[in-house]
PDB file of N, CA and C in Angstrom:
ATOM      1  N   MET A   1      -2.010   7.345  12.343  1.00  0.00           N
ATOM      2  CA  MET A   1      -2.295   6.112  11.777  1.00  0.00           C
ATOM      3  C   MET A   1      -3.031   6.256  10.423  1.00  0.00           C
ATOM      4  N   VAL A   2      -2.305   5.922   9.303  1.00  0.00           N
ATOM      5  CA  VAL A   2      -2.994   6.065   8.158  1.00  0.00           C
ATOM      6  C   VAL A   2      -2.888   4.746   7.432  1.00  0.00           C
ATOM      7  N   VAL A   3      -4.110   4.164   7.155  1.00  0.00           N
ATOM      8  CA  VAL A   3      -4.274   2.809   6.592  1.00  0.00           C
ATOM      9  C   VAL A   3      -5.084   2.964   5.329  1.00  0.00           C
ATOM     10  N   LYS A   4      -4.689   2.296   4.267  1.00  0.00           N
ATOM     11  CA  LYS A   4      -5.341   2.245   2.955  1.00  0.00           C
ATOM     12  C   LYS A   4      -6.628   1.304   3.292  1.00  0.00           C
ATOM     13  N   THR A   5      -7.794   1.816   2.889  1.00  0.00           N
ATOM     14  CA  THR A   5      -8.984   0.985   3.202  1.00  0.00           C
ATOM     15  C   THR A   5      -9.890   1.070   1.895  1.00  0.00           C
ATOM     16  N   ASP A   6     -10.757  -0.002   1.858  1.00  0.00           N
ATOM     17  CA  ASP A   6     -11.601  -0.134   0.881  1.00  0.00           C
ATOM     18  C   ASP A   6     -13.136   0.313   1.464  1.00  0.00           C
ATOM     19  N   LEU A   7     -13.074   0.990   2.526  1.00  0.00           N
ATOM     20  CA  LEU A   7     -14.541   1.467   3.003  1.00  0.00           C
ATOM     21  C   LEU A   7     -15.127   2.178   1.964  1.00  0.00           C
ATOM     22  N   ASP A   8     -16.408   2.101   1.766  1.00  0.00           N
ATOM     23  CA  ASP A   8     -17.269   2.906   0.909  1.00  0.00           C
ATOM     24  C   ASP A   8     -16.979   4.314   1.156  1.00  0.00           C
ATOM     25  N   PRO A   9     -16.512   5.120   0.177  1.00  0.00           N
ATOM     26  CA  PRO A   9     -16.304   6.531   0.406  1.00  0.00           C
ATOM     27  C   PRO A   9     -17.492   7.267   0.959  1.00  0.00           C
ATOM     28  N   ALA A  10     -18.599   6.912   0.608  1.00  0.00           N
ATOM     29  CA  ALA A  10     -19.869   7.559   1.153  1.00  0.00           C
ATOM     30  C   ALA A  10     -19.991   7.318   2.638  1.00  0.00           C
ATOM     31  N   ILE A  11     -19.663   6.121   3.110  1.00  0.00           N
ATOM     32  CA  ILE A  11     -19.695   5.988   4.565  1.00  0.00           C
ATOM     33  C   ILE A  11     -18.566   6.697   5.262  1.00  0.00           C
ATOM     34  N   ALA A  12     -17.378   6.519   4.700  1.00  0.00           N
ATOM     35  CA  ALA A  12     -16.165   7.255   5.203  1.00  0.00           C
ATOM     36  C   ALA A  12     -16.423   8.751   5.406  1.00  0.00           C
ATOM     37  N   ALA A  13     -17.024   9.354   4.434  1.00  0.00           N
ATOM     38  CA  ALA A  13     -17.361  10.824   4.482  1.00  0.00           C
ATOM     39  C   ALA A  13     -18.229  11.243   5.693  1.00  0.00           C
ATOM     40  N   ARG A  14     -19.083  10.240   6.168  1.00  0.00           N
ATOM     41  CA  ARG A  14     -19.959  10.620   7.164  1.00  0.00           C
ATOM     42  C   ARG A  14     -19.428  10.317   8.611  1.00  0.00           C
ATOM     43  N   LEU A  15     -18.139   9.757   8.695  1.00  0.00           N
ATOM     44  CA  LEU A  15     -17.509   9.602   9.969  1.00  0.00           C
ATOM     45  C   LEU A  15     -16.827  10.815  10.587  1.00  0.00           C
ATOM     46  N   LYS A  16     -17.048  11.004  11.872  1.00  0.00           N
ATOM     47  CA  LYS A  16     -16.354  12.065  12.473  1.00  0.00           C
ATOM     48  C   LYS A  16     -15.439  11.324  13.457  1.00  0.00           C
ATOM     49  N   ARG A  17     -14.051  11.399  13.122  1.00  0.00           N
ATOM     50  CA  ARG A  17     -13.136  10.570  13.830  1.00  0.00           C
ATOM     51  C   ARG A  17     -12.453  11.426  14.974  1.00  0.00           C
ATOM     52  N   THR A  18     -11.806  10.660  16.019  1.00  0.00           N
ATOM     53  CA  THR A  18     -11.016  11.299  16.851  1.00  0.00           C
ATOM     54  C   THR A  18      -9.646  11.676  16.158  1.00  0.00           C
ATOM     55  N   PRO A  19      -8.886  12.559  16.759  1.00  0.00           N
ATOM     56  CA  PRO A  19      -7.536  12.936  16.162  1.00  0.00           C
ATOM     57  C   PRO A  19      -6.742  11.713  15.671  1.00  0.00           C
ATOM     58  N   ASP A  20      -6.820  10.513  16.270  1.00  0.00           N
ATOM     59  CA  ASP A  20      -6.045   9.499  15.863  1.00  0.00           C
ATOM     60  C   ASP A  20      -6.885   8.587  14.865  1.00  0.00           C
ATOM     61  N   GLY A  21      -7.985   9.024  14.410  1.00  0.00           N
ATOM     62  CA  GLY A  21      -8.686   8.363  13.245  1.00  0.00           C
ATOM     63  C   GLY A  21      -9.664   7.281  13.773  1.00  0.00           C
ATOM     64  N   LEU A  22     -10.147   7.333  15.004  1.00  0.00           N
ATOM     65  CA  LEU A  22     -10.971   6.340  15.506  1.00  0.00           C
ATOM     66  C   LEU A  22     -12.441   6.746  15.721  1.00  0.00           C
ATOM     67  N   VAL A  23     -13.366   5.922  15.714  1.00  0.00           N
ATOM     68  CA  VAL A  23     -14.767   6.125  15.965  1.00  0.00           C
ATOM     69  C   VAL A  23     -15.156   5.128  17.116  1.00  0.00           C
ATOM     70  N   ALA A  24     -15.905   5.542  18.109  1.00  0.00           N
ATOM     71  CA  ALA A  24     -16.325   4.725  19.095  1.00  0.00           C
ATOM     72  C   ALA A  24     -17.415   3.789  18.577  1.00  0.00           C
ATOM     73  N   ALA A  25     -17.251   2.495  19.030  1.00  0.00           N
ATOM     74  CA  ALA A  25     -18.185   1.452  18.558  1.00  0.00           C
ATOM     75  C   ALA A  25     -18.882   0.858  19.895  1.00  0.00           C
ATOM     76  N   VAL A  26     -20.144   1.156  20.090  1.00  0.00           N
ATOM     77  CA  VAL A  26     -20.943   0.571  21.302  1.00  0.00           C
ATOM     78  C   VAL A  26     -21.512  -0.635  20.624  1.00  0.00           C
ATOM     79  N   VAL A  27     -21.271  -1.805  21.442  1.00  0.00           N
ATOM     80  CA  VAL A  27     -21.587  -3.113  20.986  1.00  0.00           C
ATOM     81  C   VAL A  27     -22.838  -3.597  21.858  1.00  0.00           C
ATOM     82  N   ARG A  28     -23.963  -3.976  21.280  1.00  0.00           N
ATOM     83  CA  ARG A  28     -25.014  -4.502  22.037  1.00  0.00           C
ATOM     84  C   ARG A  28     -25.339  -5.898  21.499  1.00  0.00           C
ATOM     85  N   GLU A  29     -25.998  -6.689  22.373  1.00  0.00           N
ATOM     86  CA  GLU A  29     -26.363  -8.007  21.959  1.00  0.00           C
ATOM     87  C   GLU A  29     -27.792  -8.018  21.349  1.00  0.00           C
ATOM     88  N   GLN A  30     -27.871  -8.680  20.230  1.00  0.00           N
ATOM     89  CA  GLN A  30     -29.247  -8.655  19.579  1.00  0.00           C
ATOM     90  C   GLN A  30     -30.457  -9.389  20.423  1.00  0.00           C
ATOM     91  N   ALA A  31     -30.139 -10.531  20.943  1.00  0.00           N
ATOM     92  CA  ALA A  31     -31.002 -11.294  21.679  1.00  0.00           C
ATOM     93  C   ALA A  31     -31.616 -10.648  22.890  1.00  0.00           C
ATOM     94  N   THR A  32     -30.700  -9.882  23.633  1.00  0.00           N
ATOM     95  CA  THR A  32     -31.174  -9.204  24.913  1.00  0.00           C
ATOM     96  C   THR A  32     -31.305  -7.697  24.866  1.00  0.00           C
ATOM     97  N   GLY A  33     -30.553  -7.156  24.075  1.00  0.00           N
ATOM     98  CA  GLY A  33     -30.438  -5.701  23.988  1.00  0.00           C
ATOM     99  C   GLY A  33     -29.400  -5.150  24.970  1.00  0.00           C
ATOM    100  N   ASP A  34     -28.669  -6.083  25.570  1.00  0.00           N
ATOM    101  CA  ASP A  34     -27.736  -5.670  26.594  1.00  0.00           C
ATOM    102  C   ASP A  34     -26.471  -4.887  25.843  1.00  0.00           C
ATOM    103  N   VAL A  35     -26.065  -3.824  26.457  1.00  0.00           N
ATOM    104  CA  VAL A  35     -24.814  -3.191  26.043  1.00  0.00           C
ATOM    105  C   VAL A  35     -23.707  -3.986  26.489  1.00  0.00           C
ATOM    106  N   LEU A  36     -22.815  -4.437  25.629  1.00  0.00           N
ATOM    107  CA  LEU A  36     -21.808  -5.457  26.115  1.00  0.00           C
ATOM    108  C   LEU A  36     -20.498  -4.775  26.242  1.00  0.00           C
ATOM    109  N   MET A  37     -20.098  -3.789  25.334  1.00  0.00           N
ATOM    110  CA  MET A  37     -18.803  -3.158  25.505  1.00  0.00           C
ATOM    111  C   MET A  37     -18.693  -2.006  24.630  1.00  0.00           C
ATOM    112  N   LEU A  38     -17.596  -1.225  24.771  1.00  0.00           N
ATOM    113  CA  LEU A  38     -17.271  -0.108  23.933  1.00  0.00           C
ATOM    114  C   LEU A  38     -15.919  -0.579  23.386  1.00  0.00           C
ATOM    115  N   ALA A  39     -15.796  -0.267  22.088  1.00  0.00           N
ATOM    116  CA  ALA A  39     -14.415  -0.682  21.420  1.00  0.00           C
ATOM    117  C   ALA A  39     -14.156   0.564  20.412  1.00  0.00           C
ATOM    118  N   TRP A  40     -13.123   0.463  19.725  1.00  0.00           N
ATOM    119  CA  TRP A  40     -12.751   1.530  18.690  1.00  0.00           C
ATOM    120  C   TRP A  40     -12.590   0.853  17.354  1.00  0.00           C
ATOM    121  N   MET A  41     -12.935   1.664  16.365  1.00  0.00           N
ATOM    122  CA  MET A  41     -12.772   1.325  14.988  1.00  0.00           C
ATOM    123  C   MET A  41     -12.260   2.413  14.124  1.00  0.00           C
ATOM    124  N   ASP A  42     -11.391   2.013  13.212  1.00  0.00           N
ATOM    125  CA  ASP A  42     -10.859   3.059  12.153  1.00  0.00           C
ATOM    126  C   ASP A  42     -11.607   2.638  10.965  1.00  0.00           C
ATOM    127  N   ASP A  43     -11.364   3.234   9.816  1.00  0.00           N
ATOM    128  CA  ASP A  43     -12.050   2.942   8.603  1.00  0.00           C
ATOM    129  C   ASP A  43     -11.823   1.531   8.099  1.00  0.00           C
ATOM    130  N   GLU A  44     -10.632   1.032   8.262  1.00  0.00           N
ATOM    131  CA  GLU A  44     -10.424  -0.463   7.969  1.00  0.00           C
ATOM    132  C   GLU A  44     -11.211  -1.395   8.769  1.00  0.00           C
ATOM    133  N   ALA A  45     -11.067  -1.165  10.093  1.00  0.00           N
ATOM    134  CA  ALA A  45     -11.882  -2.066  10.970  1.00  0.00           C
ATOM    135  C   ALA A  45     -13.354  -2.104  10.554  1.00  0.00           C
ATOM    136  N   LEU A  46     -13.915  -0.849  10.279  1.00  0.00           N
ATOM    137  CA  LEU A  46     -15.249  -0.788   9.982  1.00  0.00           C
ATOM    138  C   LEU A  46     -15.618  -1.602   8.648  1.00  0.00           C
ATOM    139  N   HIS A  47     -14.610  -1.356   7.682  1.00  0.00           N
ATOM    140  CA  HIS A  47     -14.709  -2.101   6.460  1.00  0.00           C
ATOM    141  C   HIS A  47     -14.660  -3.549   6.620  1.00  0.00           C
ATOM    142  N   ARG A  48     -13.711  -4.032   7.400  1.00  0.00           N
ATOM    143  CA  ARG A  48     -13.615  -5.525   7.766  1.00  0.00           C
ATOM    144  C   ARG A  48     -14.941  -6.192   8.302  1.00  0.00           C
ATOM    145  N   THR A  49     -15.557  -5.224   9.285  1.00  0.00           N
ATOM    146  CA  THR A  49     -16.667  -5.706  10.123  1.00  0.00           C
ATOM    147  C   THR A  49     -17.914  -5.815   9.077  1.00  0.00           C
ATOM    148  N   LEU A  50     -18.032  -4.723   8.240  1.00  0.00           N
ATOM    149  CA  LEU A  50     -19.166  -4.754   7.314  1.00  0.00           C
ATOM    150  C   LEU A  50     -18.995  -5.802   6.119  1.00  0.00           C
ATOM    151  N   THR A  51     -17.826  -6.119   5.881  1.00  0.00           N
ATOM    152  CA  THR A  51     -17.694  -7.207   4.714  1.00  0.00           C
ATOM    153  C   THR A  51     -17.397  -8.570   5.093  1.00  0.00           C
ATOM    154  N   THR A  52     -17.114  -8.831   6.463  1.00  0.00           N
ATOM    155  CA  THR A  52     -16.989 -10.255   6.912  1.00  0.00           C
ATOM    156  C   THR A  52     -18.002 -10.717   7.909  1.00  0.00           C
ATOM    157  N   GLY A  53     -18.801  -9.768   8.475  1.00  0.00           N
ATOM    158  CA  GLY A  53     -19.762 -10.101   9.530  1.00  0.00           C
ATOM    159  C   GLY A  53     -19.224 -10.560  10.797  1.00  0.00           C
ATOM    160  N   ARG A  54     -17.887 -10.256  10.982  1.00  0.00           N
ATOM    161  CA  ARG A  54     -17.231 -10.594  12.173  1.00  0.00           C
ATOM    162  C   ARG A  54     -16.705  -9.268  12.848  1.00  0.00           C
ATOM    163  N   ALA A  55     -17.037  -8.971  14.165  1.00  0.00           N
ATOM    164  CA  ALA A  55     -16.680  -7.738  14.649  1.00  0.00           C
ATOM    165  C   ALA A  55     -15.179  -7.586  14.716  1.00  0.00           C
ATOM    166  N   THR A  56     -14.643  -6.471  13.985  1.00  0.00           N
ATOM    167  CA  THR A  56     -13.198  -6.224  14.040  1.00  0.00           C
ATOM    168  C   THR A  56     -13.015  -4.818  14.548  1.00  0.00           C
ATOM    169  N   TYR A  57     -12.098  -4.757  15.430  1.00  0.00           N
ATOM    170  CA  TYR A  57     -11.733  -3.444  16.123  1.00  0.00           C
ATOM    171  C   TYR A  57     -10.271  -3.054  16.094  1.00  0.00           C
ATOM    172  N   TRP A  58      -9.982  -1.912  16.430  1.00  0.00           N
ATOM    173  CA  TRP A  58      -8.601  -1.318  16.545  1.00  0.00           C
ATOM    174  C   TRP A  58      -8.151  -1.276  17.982  1.00  0.00           C
ATOM    175  N   SER A  59      -7.170  -2.048  18.331  1.00  0.00           N
ATOM    176  CA  SER A  59      -6.559  -2.069  19.791  1.00  0.00           C
ATOM    177  C   SER A  59      -5.712  -0.902  19.968  1.00  0.00           C
ATOM    178  N   ARG A  60      -6.170   0.071  20.772  1.00  0.00           N
ATOM    179  CA  ARG A  60      -5.244   1.274  20.956  1.00  0.00           C
ATOM    180  C   ARG A  60      -4.035   0.910  21.768  1.00  0.00           C
ATOM    181  N   SER A  61      -4.248  -0.093  22.730  1.00  0.00           N
ATOM    182  CA  SER A  61      -3.062  -0.447  23.492  1.00  0.00           C
ATOM    183  C   SER A  61      -1.982  -1.433  22.679  1.00  0.00           C
ATOM    184  N   ARG A  62      -2.534  -2.257  21.904  1.00  0.00           N
ATOM    185  CA  ARG A  62      -1.569  -3.059  21.109  1.00  0.00           C
ATOM    186  C   ARG A  62      -1.112  -2.469  19.663  1.00  0.00           C
ATOM    187  N   GLY A  63      -1.981  -1.549  19.265  1.00  0.00           N
ATOM    188  CA  GLY A  63      -1.812  -0.978  18.014  1.00  0.00           C
ATOM    189  C   GLY A  63      -1.913  -1.825  16.769  1.00  0.00           C
ATOM    190  N   GLU A  64      -2.969  -2.678  16.956  1.00  0.00           N
ATOM    191  CA  GLU A  64      -3.227  -3.626  15.820  1.00  0.00           C
ATOM    192  C   GLU A  64      -4.774  -3.979  15.846  1.00  0.00           C
ATOM    193  N   TYR A  65      -5.204  -4.475  14.627  1.00  0.00           N
ATOM    194  CA  TYR A  65      -6.666  -4.925  14.525  1.00  0.00           C
ATOM    195  C   TYR A  65      -6.780  -6.262  15.376  1.00  0.00           C
ATOM    196  N   TRP A  66      -8.089  -6.376  15.837  1.00  0.00           N
ATOM    197  CA  TRP A  66      -8.292  -7.690  16.456  1.00  0.00           C
ATOM    198  C   TRP A  66      -9.778  -8.079  16.175  1.00  0.00           C
ATOM    199  N   VAL A  67      -9.995  -9.351  15.799  1.00  0.00           N
ATOM    200  CA  VAL A  67     -11.394  -9.935  15.622  1.00  0.00           C
ATOM    201  C   VAL A  67     -11.806 -10.389  16.879  1.00  0.00           C
ATOM    202  N   LYS A  68     -12.986  -9.918  17.442  1.00  0.00           N
ATOM    203  CA  LYS A  68     -13.579 -10.407  18.707  1.00  0.00           C
ATOM    204  C   LYS A  68     -13.648 -11.885  18.629  1.00  0.00           C
ATOM    205  N   GLY A  69     -13.083 -12.700  19.601  1.00  0.00           N
ATOM    206  CA  GLY A  69     -13.127 -14.129  19.626  1.00  0.00           C
ATOM    207  C   GLY A  69     -12.100 -14.867  19.009  1.00  0.00           C
ATOM    208  N   GLU A  70     -11.189 -14.152  18.197  1.00  0.00           N
ATOM    209  CA  GLU A  70     -10.105 -14.843  17.552  1.00  0.00           C
ATOM    210  C   GLU A  70      -9.256 -15.622  18.426  1.00  0.00           C
ATOM    211  N   THR A  71      -9.012 -15.164  19.652  1.00  0.00           N
ATOM    212  CA  THR A  71      -8.052 -15.836  20.583  1.00  0.00           C
ATOM    213  C   THR A  71      -8.952 -16.473  21.813  1.00  0.00           C
ATOM    214  N   SER A  72     -10.070 -15.796  22.091  1.00  0.00           N
ATOM    215  CA  SER A  72     -10.772 -16.238  23.322  1.00  0.00           C
ATOM    216  C   SER A  72     -11.915 -17.227  22.881  1.00  0.00           C
ATOM    217  N   GLY A  73     -12.398 -17.259  21.669  1.00  0.00           N
ATOM    218  CA  GLY A  73     -13.474 -18.028  21.380  1.00  0.00           C
ATOM    219  C   GLY A  73     -14.772 -17.490  21.610  1.00  0.00           C
ATOM    220  N   HIS A  74     -14.764 -16.221  22.128  1.00  0.00           N
ATOM    221  CA  HIS A  74     -16.033 -15.619  22.540  1.00  0.00           C
ATOM    222  C   HIS A  74     -16.348 -14.455  21.325  1.00  0.00           C
ATOM    223  N   HIS A  75     -16.890 -15.221  20.266  1.00  0.00           N
ATOM    224  CA  HIS A  75     -17.138 -14.408  18.965  1.00  0.00           C
ATOM    225  C   HIS A  75     -18.279 -13.521  18.959  1.00  0.00           C
ATOM    226  N   GLN A  76     -18.285 -12.594  18.140  1.00  0.00           N
ATOM    227  CA  GLN A  76     -19.337 -11.616  17.960  1.00  0.00           C
ATOM    228  C   GLN A  76     -19.660 -11.700  16.403  1.00  0.00           C
ATOM    229  N   TYR A  77     -20.868 -12.173  16.124  1.00  0.00           N
ATOM    230  CA  TYR A  77     -21.321 -12.285  14.708  1.00  0.00           C
ATOM    231  C   TYR A  77     -22.293 -10.913  14.519  1.00  0.00           C
ATOM    232  N   VAL A  78     -21.837 -10.142  13.550  1.00  0.00           N
ATOM    233  CA  VAL A  78     -22.571  -8.867  13.332  1.00  0.00           C
ATOM    234  C   VAL A  78     -23.878  -8.966  12.681  1.00  0.00           C
ATOM    235  N   ARG A  79     -24.903  -8.482  13.269  1.00  0.00           N
ATOM    236  CA  ARG A  79     -26.255  -8.445  12.598  1.00  0.00           C
ATOM    237  C   ARG A  79     -26.637  -7.268  12.113  1.00  0.00           C
ATOM    238  N   SER A  80     -26.092  -6.089  12.553  1.00  0.00           N
ATOM    239  CA  SER A  80     -26.270  -4.762  11.882  1.00  0.00           C
ATOM    240  C   SER A  80     -25.315  -3.705  12.553  1.00  0.00           C
ATOM    241  N   VAL A  81     -25.069  -2.661  11.813  1.00  0.00           N
ATOM    242  CA  VAL A  81     -24.185  -1.571  12.180  1.00  0.00           C
ATOM    243  C   VAL A  81     -24.924  -0.181  11.836  1.00  0.00           C
ATOM    244  N   SER A  82     -25.041   0.576  12.817  1.00  0.00           N
ATOM    245  CA  SER A  82     -25.699   1.924  12.644  1.00  0.00           C
ATOM    246  C   SER A  82     -24.812   3.021  12.942  1.00  0.00           C
ATOM    247  N   LEU A  83     -24.864   4.206  12.211  1.00  0.00           N
ATOM    248  CA  LEU A  83     -24.069   5.228  12.492  1.00  0.00           C
ATOM    249  C   LEU A  83     -25.019   6.295  13.188  1.00  0.00           C
ATOM    250  N   ASP A  84     -24.522   6.901  14.189  1.00  0.00           N
ATOM    251  CA  ASP A  84     -25.357   7.803  14.952  1.00  0.00           C
ATOM    252  C   ASP A  84     -25.586   9.122  14.180  1.00  0.00           C
ATOM    253  N   CYS A  85     -26.485   9.958  14.592  1.00  0.00           N
ATOM    254  CA  CYS A  85     -26.751  11.173  13.753  1.00  0.00           C
ATOM    255  C   CYS A  85     -25.650  12.196  13.624  1.00  0.00           C
ATOM    256  N   ASP A  86     -24.700  12.203  14.486  1.00  0.00           N
ATOM    257  CA  ASP A  86     -23.575  13.041  14.449  1.00  0.00           C
ATOM    258  C   ASP A  86     -22.369  12.454  13.762  1.00  0.00           C
ATOM    259  N   GLY A  87     -22.314  11.084  13.468  1.00  0.00           N
ATOM    260  CA  GLY A  87     -21.318  10.478  12.747  1.00  0.00           C
ATOM    261  C   GLY A  87     -20.148  10.091  13.624  1.00  0.00           C
ATOM    262  N   ASP A  88     -20.291  10.338  14.938  1.00  0.00           N
ATOM    263  CA  ASP A  88     -19.076  10.169  15.771  1.00  0.00           C
ATOM    264  C   ASP A  88     -19.151   8.812  16.493  1.00  0.00           C
ATOM    265  N   ALA A  89     -20.182   8.021  16.372  1.00  0.00           N
ATOM    266  CA  ALA A  89     -20.301   6.630  17.055  1.00  0.00           C
ATOM    267  C   ALA A  89     -20.973   5.638  16.217  1.00  0.00           C
ATOM    268  N   LEU A  90     -20.649   4.382  16.396  1.00  0.00           N
ATOM    269  CA  LEU A  90     -21.358   3.421  15.735  1.00  0.00           C
ATOM    270  C   LEU A  90     -21.954   2.574  16.793  1.00  0.00           C
ATOM    271  N   LEU A  91     -23.146   1.884  16.397  1.00  0.00           N
ATOM    272  CA  LEU A  91     -23.894   0.905  17.161  1.00  0.00           C
ATOM    273  C   LEU A  91     -23.797  -0.301  16.509  1.00  0.00           C
ATOM    274  N   VAL A  92     -23.106  -1.306  17.098  1.00  0.00           N
ATOM    275  CA  VAL A  92     -22.832  -2.687  16.519  1.00  0.00           C
ATOM    276  C   VAL A  92     -23.648  -3.689  17.215  1.00  0.00           C
ATOM    277  N   THR A  93     -24.597  -4.233  16.564  1.00  0.00           N
ATOM    278  CA  THR A  93     -25.534  -5.169  17.142  1.00  0.00           C
ATOM    279  C   THR A  93     -25.037  -6.540  16.773  1.00  0.00           C
ATOM    280  N   VAL A  94     -24.887  -7.488  17.724  1.00  0.00           N
ATOM    281  CA  VAL A  94     -24.220  -8.746  17.447  1.00  0.00           C
ATOM    282  C   VAL A  94     -24.856  -9.955  18.100  1.00  0.00           C
ATOM    283  N   ASP A  95     -24.618 -11.127  17.586  1.00  0.00           N
ATOM    284  CA  ASP A  95     -24.968 -12.402  18.272  1.00  0.00           C
ATOM    285  C   ASP A  95     -23.653 -12.600  18.953  1.00  0.00           C
ATOM    286  N   GLN A  96     -23.700 -12.651  20.431  1.00  0.00           N
ATOM    287  CA  GLN A  96     -22.544 -12.883  21.263  1.00  0.00           C
ATOM    288  C   GLN A  96     -22.449 -14.298  21.607  1.00  0.00           C
ATOM    289  N   ILE A  97     -21.270 -14.913  21.393  1.00  0.00           N
ATOM    290  CA  ILE A  97     -20.902 -16.239  21.817  1.00  0.00           C
ATOM    291  C   ILE A  97     -20.058 -16.091  23.016  1.00  0.00           C
ATOM    292  N   GLY A  98     -20.480 -16.525  24.199  1.00  0.00           N
ATOM    293  CA  GLY A  98     -19.658 -16.429  25.409  1.00  0.00           C
ATOM    294  C   GLY A  98     -19.765 -15.096  25.962  1.00  0.00           C
ATOM    295  N   PRO A  99     -18.834 -14.856  26.967  1.00  0.00           N
ATOM    296  CA  PRO A  99     -18.868 -13.554  27.593  1.00  0.00           C
ATOM    297  C   PRO A  99     -18.271 -12.476  26.683  1.00  0.00           C
ATOM    298  N   ALA A 100     -18.731 -11.193  26.706  1.00  0.00           N
ATOM    299  CA  ALA A 100     -18.020 -10.199  25.824  1.00  0.00           C
ATOM    300  C   ALA A 100     -16.948  -9.528  26.400  1.00  0.00           C
ATOM    301  N   CYS A 101     -16.838  -9.495  27.861  1.00  0.00           N
ATOM    302  CA  CYS A 101     -15.687  -8.794  28.488  1.00  0.00           C
ATOM    303  C   CYS A 101     -14.592  -9.658  28.695  1.00  0.00           C
ATOM    304  N   HIS A 102     -13.320  -9.140  28.612  1.00  0.00           N
ATOM    305  CA  HIS A 102     -12.128  -9.823  28.801  1.00  0.00           C
ATOM    306  C   HIS A 102     -11.938 -10.309  30.273  1.00  0.00           C
ATOM    307  N   THR A 103     -12.778  -9.803  31.109  1.00  0.00           N
ATOM    308  CA  THR A 103     -12.709 -10.283  32.607  1.00  0.00           C
ATOM    309  C   THR A 103     -13.576 -11.594  32.750  1.00  0.00           C
ATOM    310  N   GLY A 104     -14.262 -11.957  31.681  1.00  0.00           N
ATOM    311  CA  GLY A 104     -15.159 -13.194  31.838  1.00  0.00           C
ATOM    312  C   GLY A 104     -16.548 -12.916  32.045  1.00  0.00           C
ATOM    313  N   THR A 105     -17.054 -11.597  32.264  1.00  0.00           N
ATOM    314  CA  THR A 105     -18.337 -11.332  32.421  1.00  0.00           C
ATOM    315  C   THR A 105     -19.200 -11.028  31.164  1.00  0.00           C
ATOM    316  N   HIS A 106     -20.442 -11.279  31.213  1.00  0.00           N
ATOM    317  CA  HIS A 106     -21.270 -11.064  30.039  1.00  0.00           C
ATOM    318  C   HIS A 106     -21.074  -9.684  29.365  1.00  0.00           C
ATOM    319  N   THR A 107     -21.111  -8.663  30.167  1.00  0.00           N
ATOM    320  CA  THR A 107     -20.976  -7.367  29.634  1.00  0.00           C
ATOM    321  C   THR A 107     -19.834  -6.538  30.389  1.00  0.00           C
ATOM    322  N   CYS A 108     -19.132  -5.659  29.741  1.00  0.00           N
ATOM    323  CA  CYS A 108     -18.054  -4.885  30.429  1.00  0.00           C
ATOM    324  C   CYS A 108     -18.661  -3.869  31.316  1.00  0.00           C
ATOM    325  N   PHE A 109     -20.011  -3.678  31.285  1.00  0.00           N
ATOM    326  CA  PHE A 109     -20.750  -2.590  32.102  1.00  0.00           C
ATOM    327  C   PHE A 109     -21.457  -3.295  33.300  1.00  0.00           C
ATOM    328  N   SER A 110     -20.685  -3.962  34.106  1.00  0.00           N
ATOM    329  CA  SER A 110     -21.284  -4.679  35.277  1.00  0.00           C
ATOM    330  C   SER A 110     -20.935  -3.981  36.604  1.00  0.00           C
ATOM    331  N   ASP A 111     -20.211  -2.905  36.666  1.00  0.00           N
ATOM    332  CA  ASP A 111     -19.854  -2.234  37.929  1.00  0.00           C
ATOM    333  C   ASP A 111     -20.710  -0.833  37.941  1.00  0.00           C
ATOM    334  N   GLU A 112     -21.816  -0.882  38.517  1.00  0.00           N
ATOM    335  CA  GLU A 112     -22.663   0.165  38.594  1.00  0.00           C
ATOM    336  C   GLU A 112     -22.183   1.124  39.622  1.00  0.00           C
ATOM    337  N   LEU A 113     -22.323   2.416  39.352  1.00  0.00           N
ATOM    338  CA  LEU A 113     -21.945   3.595  40.250  1.00  0.00           C
ATOM    339  C   LEU A 113     -23.142   4.093  41.018  1.00  0.00           C
ATOM    340  N   PRO A 114     -22.923   4.525  42.211  1.00  0.00           N
ATOM    341  CA  PRO A 114     -24.104   5.158  42.923  1.00  0.00           C
ATOM    342  C   PRO A 114     -24.520   6.398  42.346  1.00  0.00           C
ATOM    343  N   VAL A 115     -25.803   6.537  42.128  1.00  0.00           N
ATOM    344  CA  VAL A 115     -26.272   7.776  41.542  1.00  0.00           C
ATOM    345  C   VAL A 115     -27.361   8.352  42.638  1.00  0.00           C
ATOM    346  N   VAL A 116     -27.269   9.582  42.860  1.00  0.00           N
ATOM    347  CA  VAL A 116     -28.230  10.316  43.672  1.00  0.00           C
ATOM    348  C   VAL A 116     -29.335  10.699  42.842  1.00  0.00           C
ATOM    349  N   THR A 117     -30.504  10.284  43.210  1.00  0.00           N
ATOM    350  CA  THR A 117     -31.772  10.608  42.475  1.00  0.00           C
ATOM    351  C   THR A 117     -32.355  11.730  43.139  1.00  0.00           C
ATOM    352  N   PRO A 118     -32.890  12.806  42.283  1.00  0.00           N
ATOM    353  CA  PRO A 118     -33.506  13.962  42.783  1.00  0.00           C
ATOM    354  C   PRO A 118     -34.936  13.626  43.415  1.00  0.00           C
TER     355      PRO A 118
END
């Protein structure tokens, strides 16, 4: 996937992408600190997110960009975006309107797995 983008070259140079050009975007809610979801961004999705204030992702299954809430009404208004120290993940802090998960739950991380504690 090669897409022309207007992403700041200084930011683009810091990204470490998967072989298909993507960076993981961990999304958390500003008000609660809850981790809401994991999505994927390429350079263009990150550029759109940074310049519009609306969370924009790359859908690996559909092969297209999607703005969170465009069809569901469950919008994400971006308050900040941080790049991790290795450049291979983004932390997107949002004001979430409605549930974040496509299943209708507040967060996509609602199925806790059992952990054996030492």
